[in-house]
């Protein structure tokens, strides 16, 4: 029993959990994660934007983004594992180069994490959103994602209160 607990504690530093309250209804915040025209408006940290956003938003469907930044382009990809509208999205997450080869941004080639996004109703027609990402190779890569997710969620917070998100 102690061994399992120790193994779990050893991996705890290679996961992240971020919780935010959004001033928008849950259905709208969920929609912002489900359609390319919305994702392109908020995904990515400050100074980055999506130039390619391909999604097959269904369990087993894939997604692939090209995120352009001052440092160059990064390709991200994964597979939607679970979608429960408007409650939860679970997907794999990996980096690849333009030729489809994994391993950018300090990730080992072929390495994937799992992202679980939960959407809950919150008082006053708001949404409590929790992003949980697991299985990072290193604490440094996890820390970079903490920064990236927080900045992306700043963009999402601005987007879901805009007129563009409501159309």
N, C-alpha and C. Protein backbone atom coordinates (compact mmCIF):
# COMPACT_ATOMS: atom_id res chain seq x y z
N UNK A 1 0.82 -1.19 0.00
CA UNK A 1 0.00 0.00 0.00
C UNK A 1 0.86 1.26 0.00
N UNK A 2 1.90 1.27 0.82
CA UNK A 2 2.76 2.45 0.90
C UNK A 2 3.47 2.68 -0.43
N UNK A 3 3.83 1.61 -1.13
CA UNK A 3 4.50 1.75 -2.42
C UNK A 3 3.60 2.48 -3.42
N UNK A 4 2.34 2.08 -3.52
CA UNK A 4 1.42 2.75 -4.43
C UNK A 4 1.28 4.22 -4.08
N UNK A 5 1.19 4.52 -2.81
CA UNK A 5 1.07 5.90 -2.37
C UNK A 5 2.31 6.70 -2.76
N UNK A 6 3.49 6.12 -2.56
CA UNK A 6 4.73 6.80 -2.91
C UNK A 6 4.83 7.02 -4.41
N UNK A 7 4.41 6.03 -5.21
CA UNK A 7 4.43 6.18 -6.66
C UNK A 7 3.50 7.32 -7.08
N UNK A 8 2.33 7.39 -6.46
CA UNK A 8 1.39 8.45 -6.79
C UNK A 8 1.97 9.82 -6.41
N UNK A 9 2.59 9.91 -5.25
CA UNK A 9 3.19 11.18 -4.83
C UNK A 9 4.31 11.60 -5.78
N UNK A 10 5.05 10.63 -6.32
CA UNK A 10 6.15 10.95 -7.24
C UNK A 10 5.64 11.53 -8.55
N UNK A 11 4.45 11.16 -8.97
CA UNK A 11 3.92 11.70 -10.23
C UNK A 11 3.07 12.94 -10.02
N UNK A 12 2.70 13.24 -8.77
CA UNK A 12 1.84 14.39 -8.47
C UNK A 12 2.48 15.70 -8.96
N UNK A 13 3.82 15.77 -8.92
CA UNK A 13 4.48 16.99 -9.37
C UNK A 13 4.55 17.10 -10.88
N UNK A 14 4.02 16.09 -11.60
CA UNK A 14 4.00 16.12 -13.06
C UNK A 14 2.59 16.22 -13.60
N UNK A 15 1.71 16.87 -12.83
CA UNK A 15 0.36 17.16 -13.30
C UNK A 15 0.00 18.57 -12.88
N UNK A 16 -1.02 19.12 -13.53
CA UNK A 16 -1.46 20.46 -13.17
C UNK A 16 -2.97 20.48 -13.05
N UNK A 17 -3.44 21.37 -12.19
CA UNK A 17 -4.87 21.61 -12.03
C UNK A 17 -5.05 23.12 -11.93
N UNK A 18 -5.89 23.66 -12.81
CA UNK A 18 -6.19 25.09 -12.81
C UNK A 18 -7.71 25.24 -12.79
N UNK A 19 -8.21 26.05 -11.87
CA UNK A 19 -9.65 26.29 -11.78
C UNK A 19 -9.90 27.78 -11.95
N UNK A 20 -10.87 28.10 -12.77
CA UNK A 20 -11.26 29.50 -13.04
C UNK A 20 -12.77 29.63 -13.03
N UNK A 21 -13.25 30.82 -12.69
CA UNK A 21 -14.66 31.16 -12.80
C UNK A 21 -14.80 32.12 -13.99
N UNK A 22 -15.72 31.79 -14.91
CA UNK A 22 -15.96 32.61 -16.09
C UNK A 22 -17.32 33.27 -15.99
N UNK A 23 -17.38 34.51 -16.40
CA UNK A 23 -18.62 35.29 -16.34
C UNK A 23 -19.46 35.04 -17.59
N UNK A 24 -19.79 33.75 -17.78
CA UNK A 24 -20.58 33.33 -18.94
C UNK A 24 -21.21 31.98 -18.60
N UNK A 25 -22.36 31.68 -19.22
CA UNK A 25 -23.00 30.39 -18.94
C UNK A 25 -22.17 29.21 -19.42
N UNK A 26 -22.35 28.09 -18.76
CA UNK A 26 -21.59 26.88 -19.04
C UNK A 26 -21.69 26.46 -20.50
N UNK A 27 -22.87 26.53 -21.11
CA UNK A 27 -23.04 26.11 -22.49
C UNK A 27 -22.17 26.94 -23.43
N UNK A 28 -22.03 28.23 -23.16
CA UNK A 28 -21.22 29.11 -23.99
C UNK A 28 -19.73 28.81 -23.82
N UNK A 29 -19.30 28.59 -22.59
CA UNK A 29 -17.88 28.28 -22.35
C UNK A 29 -17.54 26.94 -23.00
N UNK A 30 -18.43 25.96 -22.88
CA UNK A 30 -18.22 24.67 -23.53
C UNK A 30 -18.11 24.84 -25.05
N UNK A 31 -19.01 25.62 -25.62
CA UNK A 31 -19.00 25.84 -27.08
C UNK A 31 -17.67 26.44 -27.53
N UNK A 32 -17.07 27.29 -26.71
CA UNK A 32 -15.79 27.92 -27.07
C UNK A 32 -14.66 26.89 -27.19
N UNK A 33 -14.82 25.73 -26.58
CA UNK A 33 -13.84 24.64 -26.68
C UNK A 33 -14.16 23.67 -27.81
N UNK A 34 -15.34 23.78 -28.42
CA UNK A 34 -15.80 22.72 -29.30
C UNK A 34 -15.78 23.06 -30.79
N UNK A 35 -15.56 24.30 -31.14
CA UNK A 35 -15.65 24.70 -32.55
C UNK A 35 -14.39 25.47 -32.95
N UNK A 36 -13.81 25.14 -34.12
CA UNK A 36 -12.59 25.81 -34.57
C UNK A 36 -12.71 27.33 -34.61
N UNK A 37 -13.86 27.85 -35.07
CA UNK A 37 -13.98 29.31 -35.18
C UNK A 37 -13.90 29.99 -33.81
N UNK A 38 -14.22 29.27 -32.76
CA UNK A 38 -14.08 29.82 -31.41
C UNK A 38 -12.67 29.58 -30.87
N UNK A 39 -12.16 28.37 -31.03
CA UNK A 39 -10.82 28.05 -30.54
C UNK A 39 -9.77 29.00 -31.10
N UNK A 40 -9.91 29.36 -32.35
CA UNK A 40 -8.92 30.24 -32.98
C UNK A 40 -8.91 31.64 -32.37
N UNK A 41 -9.94 31.99 -31.64
CA UNK A 41 -10.03 33.33 -31.05
C UNK A 41 -9.34 33.42 -29.68
N UNK A 42 -9.09 32.25 -29.02
CA UNK A 42 -8.55 32.35 -27.66
C UNK A 42 -7.41 31.38 -27.34
N UNK A 43 -7.23 30.30 -28.08
CA UNK A 43 -6.27 29.27 -27.71
C UNK A 43 -4.84 29.80 -27.76
N UNK A 44 -4.09 29.52 -26.75
CA UNK A 44 -2.66 29.82 -26.72
C UNK A 44 -2.29 30.92 -25.76
N UNK A 45 -1.02 30.92 -25.35
CA UNK A 45 -0.53 31.95 -24.44
C UNK A 45 -0.39 33.30 -25.15
N UNK A 46 -0.09 34.33 -24.36
CA UNK A 46 0.09 35.68 -24.91
C UNK A 46 1.13 35.66 -26.03
N UNK A 47 0.85 36.38 -27.10
CA UNK A 47 1.76 36.48 -28.22
C UNK A 47 1.64 35.34 -29.22
N UNK A 48 0.72 34.42 -28.99
CA UNK A 48 0.54 33.27 -29.89
C UNK A 48 -0.86 33.31 -30.49
N UNK A 49 -1.00 32.69 -31.65
CA UNK A 49 -2.32 32.53 -32.23
C UNK A 49 -2.34 31.28 -33.09
N UNK A 50 -3.53 30.71 -33.22
CA UNK A 50 -3.67 29.53 -34.06
C UNK A 50 -3.78 29.96 -35.51
N UNK A 51 -2.98 29.32 -36.36
CA UNK A 51 -3.05 29.57 -37.80
C UNK A 51 -3.72 28.39 -38.51
N UNK A 52 -3.73 27.24 -37.85
CA UNK A 52 -4.42 26.06 -38.34
C UNK A 52 -5.19 25.48 -37.16
N UNK A 53 -6.45 25.15 -37.37
CA UNK A 53 -7.28 24.57 -36.31
C UNK A 53 -8.21 23.54 -36.95
N UNK A 54 -7.82 22.27 -36.85
CA UNK A 54 -8.60 21.18 -37.42
C UNK A 54 -9.14 20.34 -36.28
N UNK A 55 -10.46 20.17 -36.22
CA UNK A 55 -11.05 19.36 -35.16
C UNK A 55 -12.13 18.45 -35.73
N UNK A 56 -12.19 17.26 -35.18
CA UNK A 56 -13.29 16.33 -35.41
C UNK A 56 -13.86 16.08 -34.01
N UNK A 57 -14.71 17.00 -33.56
CA UNK A 57 -15.15 17.06 -32.17
C UNK A 57 -16.18 15.97 -31.87
N UNK A 58 -15.65 14.79 -31.57
CA UNK A 58 -16.45 13.63 -31.18
C UNK A 58 -15.50 12.66 -30.50
N UNK A 59 -15.99 11.78 -29.63
CA UNK A 59 -15.11 10.78 -29.04
C UNK A 59 -14.44 9.96 -30.14
N UNK A 60 -13.12 9.87 -30.07
CA UNK A 60 -12.35 9.17 -31.09
C UNK A 60 -11.90 10.08 -32.22
N UNK A 61 -12.44 11.30 -32.29
CA UNK A 61 -12.04 12.26 -33.31
C UNK A 61 -10.72 12.92 -32.94
N UNK A 62 -10.01 13.37 -33.93
CA UNK A 62 -8.71 13.99 -33.69
C UNK A 62 -8.80 15.51 -33.77
N UNK A 63 -7.78 16.15 -33.22
CA UNK A 63 -7.63 17.59 -33.35
C UNK A 63 -6.16 17.87 -33.66
N UNK A 64 -5.92 18.97 -34.37
CA UNK A 64 -4.56 19.36 -34.75
C UNK A 64 -4.52 20.86 -34.93
N UNK A 65 -3.60 21.51 -34.22
CA UNK A 65 -3.48 22.97 -34.27
C UNK A 65 -2.05 23.35 -34.62
N UNK A 66 -1.89 24.46 -35.35
CA UNK A 66 -0.58 25.09 -35.51
C UNK A 66 -0.65 26.41 -34.75
N UNK A 67 0.19 26.53 -33.72
CA UNK A 67 0.22 27.74 -32.92
C UNK A 67 1.47 28.53 -33.31
N UNK A 68 1.23 29.72 -33.82
CA UNK A 68 2.31 30.58 -34.28
C UNK A 68 2.68 31.55 -33.15
N UNK A 69 3.99 31.69 -32.94
CA UNK A 69 4.49 32.60 -31.91
C UNK A 69 5.73 33.31 -32.44
N UNK A 70 6.23 34.32 -31.74
CA UNK A 70 7.45 34.97 -32.19
C UNK A 70 8.63 33.99 -32.32
N UNK A 71 8.59 32.88 -31.58
CA UNK A 71 9.66 31.89 -31.66
C UNK A 71 9.49 30.87 -32.77
N UNK A 72 8.38 30.93 -33.50
CA UNK A 72 8.14 29.98 -34.58
C UNK A 72 6.81 29.27 -34.41
N UNK A 73 6.59 28.27 -35.22
CA UNK A 73 5.34 27.52 -35.19
C UNK A 73 5.50 26.25 -34.36
N UNK A 74 4.46 25.92 -33.60
CA UNK A 74 4.39 24.66 -32.87
C UNK A 74 3.10 23.96 -33.26
N UNK A 75 3.23 22.70 -33.59
CA UNK A 75 2.07 21.89 -33.93
C UNK A 75 1.66 21.08 -32.72
N UNK A 76 0.39 21.09 -32.41
CA UNK A 76 -0.18 20.33 -31.29
C UNK A 76 -1.24 19.40 -31.86
N UNK A 77 -1.37 18.23 -31.25
CA UNK A 77 -2.36 17.28 -31.76
C UNK A 77 -2.82 16.36 -30.65
N UNK A 78 -3.96 15.73 -30.90
CA UNK A 78 -4.48 14.77 -29.94
C UNK A 78 -5.75 14.12 -30.44
N UNK A 79 -6.35 13.35 -29.55
CA UNK A 79 -7.59 12.64 -29.85
C UNK A 79 -8.57 12.92 -28.71
N UNK A 80 -9.81 13.22 -29.08
CA UNK A 80 -10.86 13.40 -28.08
C UNK A 80 -11.24 12.02 -27.55
N UNK A 81 -11.09 11.83 -26.25
CA UNK A 81 -11.39 10.53 -25.64
C UNK A 81 -12.80 10.48 -25.07
N UNK A 82 -13.27 11.62 -24.56
CA UNK A 82 -14.61 11.67 -23.96
C UNK A 82 -15.17 13.08 -24.14
N UNK A 83 -16.43 13.16 -24.50
CA UNK A 83 -17.13 14.44 -24.60
C UNK A 83 -18.51 14.24 -23.99
N UNK A 84 -18.79 14.98 -22.93
CA UNK A 84 -20.10 14.96 -22.29
C UNK A 84 -20.57 16.42 -22.26
N UNK A 85 -21.39 16.78 -23.24
CA UNK A 85 -21.83 18.17 -23.38
C UNK A 85 -22.87 18.51 -22.32
N UNK A 86 -22.78 19.61 -21.64
CA UNK A 86 -21.72 20.62 -21.56
C UNK A 86 -20.87 20.46 -20.31
N UNK A 87 -20.55 19.22 -19.93
CA UNK A 87 -19.91 18.95 -18.65
C UNK A 87 -18.40 18.68 -18.70
N UNK A 88 -17.95 17.95 -19.73
CA UNK A 88 -16.56 17.49 -19.69
C UNK A 88 -16.05 17.21 -21.10
N UNK A 89 -14.75 17.49 -21.27
CA UNK A 89 -14.01 17.11 -22.47
C UNK A 89 -12.71 16.48 -21.99
N UNK A 90 -12.38 15.31 -22.51
CA UNK A 90 -11.11 14.65 -22.20
C UNK A 90 -10.40 14.39 -23.53
N UNK A 91 -9.12 14.79 -23.61
CA UNK A 91 -8.38 14.58 -24.85
C UNK A 91 -6.90 14.35 -24.57
N UNK A 92 -6.25 13.65 -25.50
CA UNK A 92 -4.80 13.50 -25.44
C UNK A 92 -4.18 14.77 -26.03
N UNK A 93 -2.93 15.03 -25.65
CA UNK A 93 -2.26 16.27 -26.04
C UNK A 93 -0.78 15.95 -26.28
N UNK A 94 -0.29 16.30 -27.47
CA UNK A 94 1.12 16.10 -27.79
C UNK A 94 1.57 17.20 -28.75
N UNK A 95 2.87 17.39 -28.81
CA UNK A 95 3.45 18.32 -29.78
C UNK A 95 4.03 17.51 -30.93
N UNK A 96 3.99 18.10 -32.12
CA UNK A 96 4.61 17.48 -33.29
C UNK A 96 5.17 18.60 -34.16
N UNK A 97 6.06 18.24 -35.09
CA UNK A 97 6.54 19.25 -36.03
C UNK A 97 5.64 19.25 -37.26
N UNK A 98 5.92 20.11 -38.21
CA UNK A 98 5.06 20.28 -39.38
C UNK A 98 4.92 18.98 -40.18
N UNK A 99 5.89 18.07 -40.03
CA UNK A 99 5.85 16.79 -40.74
C UNK A 99 5.18 15.69 -39.93
N UNK A 100 4.62 16.05 -38.76
CA UNK A 100 3.92 15.07 -37.95
C UNK A 100 4.81 14.31 -36.99
N UNK A 101 6.03 14.77 -36.75
CA UNK A 101 6.96 14.10 -35.85
C UNK A 101 6.85 14.72 -34.47
N UNK A 102 6.54 13.91 -33.45
CA UNK A 102 6.39 14.42 -32.08
C UNK A 102 7.74 14.82 -31.50
N UNK A 103 7.67 15.67 -30.47
CA UNK A 103 8.87 15.92 -29.69
C UNK A 103 9.32 17.36 -29.57
N UNK A 104 8.49 18.34 -29.88
CA UNK A 104 8.89 19.73 -29.71
C UNK A 104 8.68 20.19 -28.27
N UNK A 105 9.12 21.39 -27.98
CA UNK A 105 8.88 22.05 -26.71
C UNK A 105 9.36 21.26 -25.50
N UNK A 106 10.48 20.55 -25.64
CA UNK A 106 11.03 19.82 -24.52
C UNK A 106 10.36 18.48 -24.26
N UNK A 107 9.41 18.10 -25.09
CA UNK A 107 8.72 16.81 -24.92
C UNK A 107 9.52 15.72 -25.59
N UNK A 108 9.48 14.53 -25.02
CA UNK A 108 10.08 13.37 -25.66
C UNK A 108 9.24 12.99 -26.87
N UNK A 109 9.86 12.55 -27.96
CA UNK A 109 9.08 12.12 -29.13
C UNK A 109 8.04 11.08 -28.74
N UNK A 110 6.82 11.28 -29.20
CA UNK A 110 5.74 10.35 -28.94
C UNK A 110 5.05 10.52 -27.60
N UNK A 111 5.55 11.42 -26.75
CA UNK A 111 4.96 11.58 -25.42
C UNK A 111 3.64 12.34 -25.51
N UNK A 112 2.65 11.85 -24.78
CA UNK A 112 1.35 12.50 -24.72
C UNK A 112 0.95 12.71 -23.27
N UNK A 113 0.18 13.76 -23.06
CA UNK A 113 -0.46 13.96 -21.77
C UNK A 113 -1.95 13.78 -21.97
N UNK A 114 -2.68 13.77 -20.87
CA UNK A 114 -4.14 13.71 -20.93
C UNK A 114 -4.68 14.96 -20.27
N UNK A 115 -5.60 15.63 -20.97
CA UNK A 115 -6.24 16.85 -20.47
C UNK A 115 -7.71 16.54 -20.22
N UNK A 116 -8.18 16.88 -19.03
CA UNK A 116 -9.59 16.77 -18.69
C UNK A 116 -10.08 18.17 -18.34
N UNK A 117 -11.11 18.62 -19.04
CA UNK A 117 -11.68 19.94 -18.79
C UNK A 117 -13.10 19.72 -18.28
N UNK A 118 -13.37 20.20 -17.07
CA UNK A 118 -14.71 20.09 -16.48
C UNK A 118 -15.36 21.46 -16.45
N UNK A 119 -16.64 21.48 -16.78
CA UNK A 119 -17.44 22.70 -16.83
C UNK A 119 -18.59 22.53 -15.83
N UNK A 120 -18.70 23.44 -14.86
CA UNK A 120 -19.77 23.33 -13.87
C UNK A 120 -20.50 24.66 -13.78
N UNK A 121 -21.82 24.59 -13.60
CA UNK A 121 -22.59 25.80 -13.35
C UNK A 121 -22.09 26.44 -12.06
N UNK A 122 -22.03 27.75 -12.05
CA UNK A 122 -21.60 28.49 -10.87
C UNK A 122 -22.61 29.61 -10.63
N UNK A 123 -22.71 30.07 -9.44
CA UNK A 123 -23.72 31.07 -9.07
C UNK A 123 -23.75 32.25 -10.04
N UNK A 124 -24.95 32.75 -10.28
CA UNK A 124 -25.12 33.93 -11.12
C UNK A 124 -24.86 33.69 -12.60
N UNK A 125 -25.19 32.51 -13.12
CA UNK A 125 -25.03 32.20 -14.55
C UNK A 125 -23.57 32.24 -14.99
N UNK A 126 -22.68 31.83 -14.10
CA UNK A 126 -21.25 31.76 -14.39
C UNK A 126 -20.85 30.29 -14.55
N UNK A 127 -19.60 30.09 -14.95
CA UNK A 127 -19.07 28.75 -15.16
C UNK A 127 -17.80 28.56 -14.36
N UNK A 128 -17.74 27.45 -13.64
CA UNK A 128 -16.50 27.04 -12.98
C UNK A 128 -15.84 26.02 -13.90
N UNK A 129 -14.65 26.36 -14.38
CA UNK A 129 -13.92 25.52 -15.32
C UNK A 129 -12.67 25.00 -14.62
N UNK A 130 -12.42 23.70 -14.75
CA UNK A 130 -11.21 23.10 -14.18
C UNK A 130 -10.48 22.36 -15.29
N UNK A 131 -9.21 22.71 -15.47
CA UNK A 131 -8.33 22.03 -16.42
C UNK A 131 -7.39 21.16 -15.60
N UNK A 132 -7.34 19.87 -15.91
CA UNK A 132 -6.47 18.92 -15.23
C UNK A 132 -5.65 18.22 -16.31
N UNK A 133 -4.34 18.40 -16.28
CA UNK A 133 -3.46 17.77 -17.27
C UNK A 133 -2.46 16.89 -16.53
N UNK A 134 -2.33 15.66 -17.00
CA UNK A 134 -1.48 14.68 -16.31
C UNK A 134 -0.43 14.09 -17.24
N UNK A 135 0.58 13.49 -16.59
CA UNK A 135 1.59 12.69 -17.25
C UNK A 135 2.65 13.52 -17.97
N UNK A 136 3.05 14.65 -17.40
CA UNK A 136 4.16 15.41 -17.96
C UNK A 136 5.46 14.65 -17.75
N UNK A 137 6.39 14.80 -18.71
CA UNK A 137 7.71 14.17 -18.57
C UNK A 137 8.50 14.77 -17.43
N UNK A 138 8.42 16.11 -17.32
CA UNK A 138 9.24 16.81 -16.32
C UNK A 138 8.42 17.91 -15.66
N UNK A 139 8.91 18.35 -14.53
CA UNK A 139 8.28 19.47 -13.83
C UNK A 139 8.43 20.74 -14.66
N UNK A 140 9.55 20.91 -15.35
CA UNK A 140 9.77 22.11 -16.17
C UNK A 140 8.73 22.22 -17.28
N UNK A 141 8.43 21.11 -17.94
CA UNK A 141 7.42 21.12 -19.00
C UNK A 141 6.06 21.43 -18.39
N UNK A 142 5.77 20.82 -17.22
CA UNK A 142 4.51 21.13 -16.53
C UNK A 142 4.41 22.61 -16.21
N UNK A 143 5.48 23.18 -15.69
CA UNK A 143 5.46 24.60 -15.33
C UNK A 143 5.22 25.50 -16.54
N UNK A 144 5.78 25.12 -17.68
CA UNK A 144 5.54 25.89 -18.90
C UNK A 144 4.06 25.82 -19.29
N UNK A 145 3.43 24.68 -19.06
CA UNK A 145 2.01 24.54 -19.37
C UNK A 145 1.13 25.28 -18.36
N UNK A 146 1.55 25.37 -17.13
CA UNK A 146 0.80 26.18 -16.16
C UNK A 146 0.73 27.62 -16.66
N UNK A 147 1.86 28.15 -17.10
CA UNK A 147 1.89 29.51 -17.65
C UNK A 147 1.03 29.60 -18.91
N UNK A 148 1.22 28.66 -19.82
CA UNK A 148 0.48 28.69 -21.09
C UNK A 148 -1.03 28.59 -20.89
N UNK A 149 -1.46 27.65 -20.05
CA UNK A 149 -2.90 27.51 -19.80
C UNK A 149 -3.46 28.76 -19.14
N UNK A 150 -2.75 29.30 -18.16
CA UNK A 150 -3.27 30.50 -17.50
C UNK A 150 -3.43 31.66 -18.47
N UNK A 151 -2.48 31.84 -19.36
CA UNK A 151 -2.59 32.91 -20.35
C UNK A 151 -3.70 32.62 -21.34
N UNK A 152 -3.83 31.38 -21.79
CA UNK A 152 -4.92 31.01 -22.71
C UNK A 152 -6.27 31.22 -22.03
N UNK A 153 -6.38 30.86 -20.77
CA UNK A 153 -7.65 31.04 -20.06
C UNK A 153 -7.96 32.52 -19.83
N UNK A 154 -6.93 33.36 -19.74
CA UNK A 154 -7.17 34.82 -19.73
C UNK A 154 -7.86 35.23 -21.03
N UNK A 155 -7.36 34.71 -22.16
CA UNK A 155 -7.96 35.02 -23.46
C UNK A 155 -9.39 34.48 -23.54
N UNK A 156 -9.60 33.26 -23.03
CA UNK A 156 -10.93 32.67 -23.04
C UNK A 156 -11.89 33.53 -22.21
N UNK A 157 -11.45 34.01 -21.07
CA UNK A 157 -12.31 34.85 -20.21
C UNK A 157 -12.76 36.10 -20.97
N UNK A 158 -11.85 36.71 -21.70
CA UNK A 158 -12.21 37.89 -22.50
C UNK A 158 -13.15 37.50 -23.65
N UNK A 159 -12.86 36.37 -24.28
CA UNK A 159 -13.64 35.96 -25.44
C UNK A 159 -15.08 35.64 -25.10
N UNK A 160 -15.33 34.89 -24.02
CA UNK A 160 -16.70 34.45 -23.74
C UNK A 160 -17.63 35.58 -23.34
N UNK A 161 -17.10 36.75 -23.02
CA UNK A 161 -17.96 37.90 -22.72
C UNK A 161 -18.11 38.81 -23.95
N UNK A 162 -17.43 38.45 -25.04
CA UNK A 162 -17.49 39.27 -26.26
C UNK A 162 -18.73 38.92 -27.08
N UNK A 163 -19.11 39.82 -27.95
CA UNK A 163 -20.23 39.56 -28.85
C UNK A 163 -19.91 38.43 -29.83
N UNK A 164 -18.63 38.28 -30.21
CA UNK A 164 -18.23 37.24 -31.16
C UNK A 164 -18.54 35.85 -30.64
N UNK A 165 -18.34 35.62 -29.35
CA UNK A 165 -18.56 34.30 -28.76
C UNK A 165 -20.04 33.92 -28.77
N UNK A 166 -20.89 34.90 -28.70
CA UNK A 166 -22.33 34.64 -28.56
C UNK A 166 -23.01 34.34 -29.89
N UNK A 167 -22.30 34.54 -30.99
CA UNK A 167 -22.92 34.28 -32.30
C UNK A 167 -22.70 32.87 -32.78
